Amino acid sequence: MALGRSICVSMFVAASPALAADDFIEGVYLQSEELCTQAKKDTLQTLIDAGNIVLSKNGLQGVEYNCEFVQVSKATRSPSWAVTAICQEPGYAFPDVLSVTQMNPTQVDLVSVRPIDDESEASGNSGSYYLCEGIALP
């Protein structure tokens, strides 16, 4: 009987990250409100083709870059999630761990544990992203 309870508890704990992800971010996010306005005038694909990164509940997506969110765990004391991602760019794949924090209803901040090699490089996977109302993924 104790073994049965142990298996049941183990199955519940293993399923918890999927349950915690139910309230994860919804919609399409870009790195500025101006980009959201531009996406409404042009198309989201035009912005992606121009080198912009799009954030959604599935991950980060660009022309030759993507990070698939493979595990999402909700924090209990803040509007934040810990995210494990598998990222790819041409000829290179790597894991990343990020925090995603809901700063307000239209802004989320990402912080990556992946170090940046050169301060002149872009911020990697870290940064602020803004909800683009009425925009859908291509």
Protein backbone atom coordinates (compact mmCIF):
# COMPACT_ATOMS: atom_id res chain seq x y z
CA MET A 1 0.00 0.00 0.00
CA ALA A 2 2.84 2.42 0.82
CA LEU A 3 4.37 1.68 -2.59
CA GLY A 4 1.06 2.58 -4.27
CA ARG A 5 0.93 5.93 -2.44
CA SER A 6 4.55 6.60 -3.32
CA ILE A 7 3.90 5.95 -7.01
CA CYS A 8 0.79 8.15 -6.92
CA VAL A 9 2.70 11.03 -5.28
CA SER A 10 5.58 10.61 -7.74
CA MET A 11 3.19 10.77 -10.68
CA PHE A 12 1.57 13.94 -9.27
CA VAL A 13 4.94 15.65 -8.76
CA ALA A 14 6.08 14.68 -12.26
CA ALA A 15 2.91 16.18 -13.72
CA SER A 16 3.14 19.43 -11.72
CA PRO A 17 5.25 21.49 -14.20
CA ALA A 18 2.68 20.91 -16.94
CA LEU A 19 -0.11 21.98 -14.59
CA ALA A 20 1.82 25.06 -13.49
CA ALA A 21 2.24 26.18 -17.10
CA ASP A 22 -1.53 26.58 -17.59
CA ASP A 23 -1.37 30.28 -16.67
CA PHE A 24 1.83 31.00 -18.62
CA ILE A 25 1.96 34.00 -20.94
CA GLU A 26 -0.56 34.22 -23.77
CA GLY A 27 -0.27 36.10 -27.04
CA VAL A 28 2.59 37.46 -29.11
CA TYR A 29 5.29 39.71 -27.63
CA LEU A 30 7.91 41.90 -29.33
CA GLN A 31 10.81 43.89 -27.86
CA SER A 32 9.05 47.28 -28.01
CA GLU A 33 5.59 48.76 -28.27
CA GLU A 34 6.72 50.47 -31.49
CA LEU A 35 7.41 47.05 -33.04
CA CYS A 36 3.88 45.97 -32.08
CA THR A 37 2.50 49.02 -33.89
CA GLN A 38 4.66 48.21 -36.91
CA ALA A 39 3.45 44.57 -36.88
CA LYS A 40 -0.13 45.83 -37.13
CA LYS A 41 0.76 48.03 -40.14
CA ASP A 42 2.96 45.48 -41.91
CA THR A 43 2.94 41.84 -40.85
CA LEU A 44 4.61 39.95 -38.05
CA GLN A 45 6.52 37.90 -40.63
CA THR A 46 8.00 41.13 -42.06
CA LEU A 47 9.37 41.99 -38.61
CA ILE A 48 10.75 38.48 -38.13
CA ASP A 49 12.42 38.65 -41.55
CA ALA A 50 14.00 41.98 -40.50
CA GLY A 51 15.75 40.21 -37.60
CA ASN A 52 13.36 40.78 -34.70
CA ILE A 53 12.71 38.10 -32.10
CA VAL A 54 9.14 37.10 -31.20
CA LEU A 55 8.17 35.71 -27.79
CA SER A 56 5.17 33.41 -27.31
CA LYS A 57 4.23 30.67 -24.84
CA ASN A 58 6.12 28.26 -27.13
CA GLY A 59 9.42 30.16 -26.97
CA LEU A 60 11.52 32.69 -28.85
CA GLN A 61 11.49 32.75 -32.64
CA GLY A 62 13.59 34.62 -35.20
CA VAL A 63 14.79 34.11 -38.79
CA GLU A 64 17.70 31.78 -38.03
CA TYR A 65 17.21 31.48 -34.28
CA ASN A 66 14.71 29.82 -31.99
CA CYS A 67 14.37 28.69 -28.40
CA GLU A 68 11.72 26.09 -27.70
CA PHE A 69 10.36 26.24 -24.15
CA VAL A 70 10.41 22.58 -23.06
CA GLN A 71 9.53 22.99 -19.38
CA VAL A 72 7.74 25.81 -17.56
CA SER A 73 7.37 25.97 -13.76
CA LYS A 74 5.31 28.66 -11.99
CA ALA A 75 6.75 30.48 -8.99
CA THR A 76 4.52 30.45 -5.92
CA ARG A 77 5.25 33.95 -4.57
CA SER A 78 5.57 36.08 -7.69
CA PRO A 79 4.14 36.36 -11.20
CA SER A 80 7.16 34.50 -12.57
CA TRP A 81 8.07 31.24 -14.23
CA ALA A 82 11.32 29.28 -14.51
CA VAL A 83 11.73 28.07 -18.09
CA THR A 84 14.04 25.44 -19.55
CA ALA A 85 14.66 25.97 -23.26
CA ILE A 86 16.51 24.32 -26.12
CA CYS A 87 17.87 27.01 -28.43
CA GLN A 88 19.20 26.68 -31.98
CA GLU A 89 20.95 28.83 -34.50
CA PRO A 90 22.68 27.65 -37.69
CA GLY A 91 25.23 24.99 -36.76
CA TYR A 92 24.77 25.36 -33.00
CA ALA A 93 22.30 24.17 -30.37
CA PHE A 94 22.42 24.88 -26.64
CA PRO A 95 20.26 24.71 -23.50
CA ASP A 96 19.16 27.80 -21.61
CA VAL A 97 17.34 28.49 -18.36
CA LEU A 98 15.33 31.69 -18.11
CA SER A 99 13.11 33.51 -15.68
CA VAL A 100 9.99 35.05 -17.20
CA THR A 101 8.37 37.70 -15.00
CA GLN A 102 5.05 39.44 -15.67
CA MET A 103 5.93 43.08 -14.92
CA ASN A 104 2.44 44.37 -15.78
CA PRO A 105 -0.43 43.14 -18.00
CA THR A 106 1.44 44.04 -21.21
CA GLN A 107 5.12 43.55 -20.31
CA VAL A 108 7.21 40.50 -19.42
CA ASP A 109 10.92 40.50 -18.62
CA LEU A 110 13.19 37.58 -19.50
CA VAL A 111 16.49 36.93 -17.74
CA SER A 112 18.77 34.22 -19.09
CA VAL A 113 21.51 32.39 -17.20
CA ARG A 114 23.46 32.09 -20.45
CA PRO A 115 26.48 34.41 -20.28
CA ILE A 116 27.18 36.92 -23.05
CA ASP A 117 30.71 36.55 -24.44
CA ASP A 118 31.20 40.17 -25.47
CA GLU A 119 29.52 43.24 -24.00
CA SER A 120 28.99 44.59 -27.52
CA GLU A 121 26.77 41.61 -28.37
CA ALA A 122 23.01 41.74 -28.05
CA SER A 123 21.51 40.77 -24.71
CA GLY A 124 21.00 37.16 -25.77
CA ASN A 125 17.68 35.83 -24.51
CA SER A 126 17.30 38.50 -21.81
CA GLY A 127 15.20 41.62 -22.19
CA SER A 128 11.74 43.16 -21.99
CA TYR A 129 8.93 42.05 -24.29
CA TYR A 130 5.59 43.78 -24.87
CA LEU A 131 2.23 42.18 -25.64
CA CYS A 132 1.03 42.89 -29.19
CA GLU A 133 -2.78 42.88 -29.04
CA GLY A 134 -4.46 41.48 -32.15
CA ILE A 135 -1.27 39.93 -33.57
CA ALA A 136 -1.03 36.17 -34.19
CA LEU A 137 1.96 33.97 -34.97
CA PRO A 138 2.48 33.33 -38.69
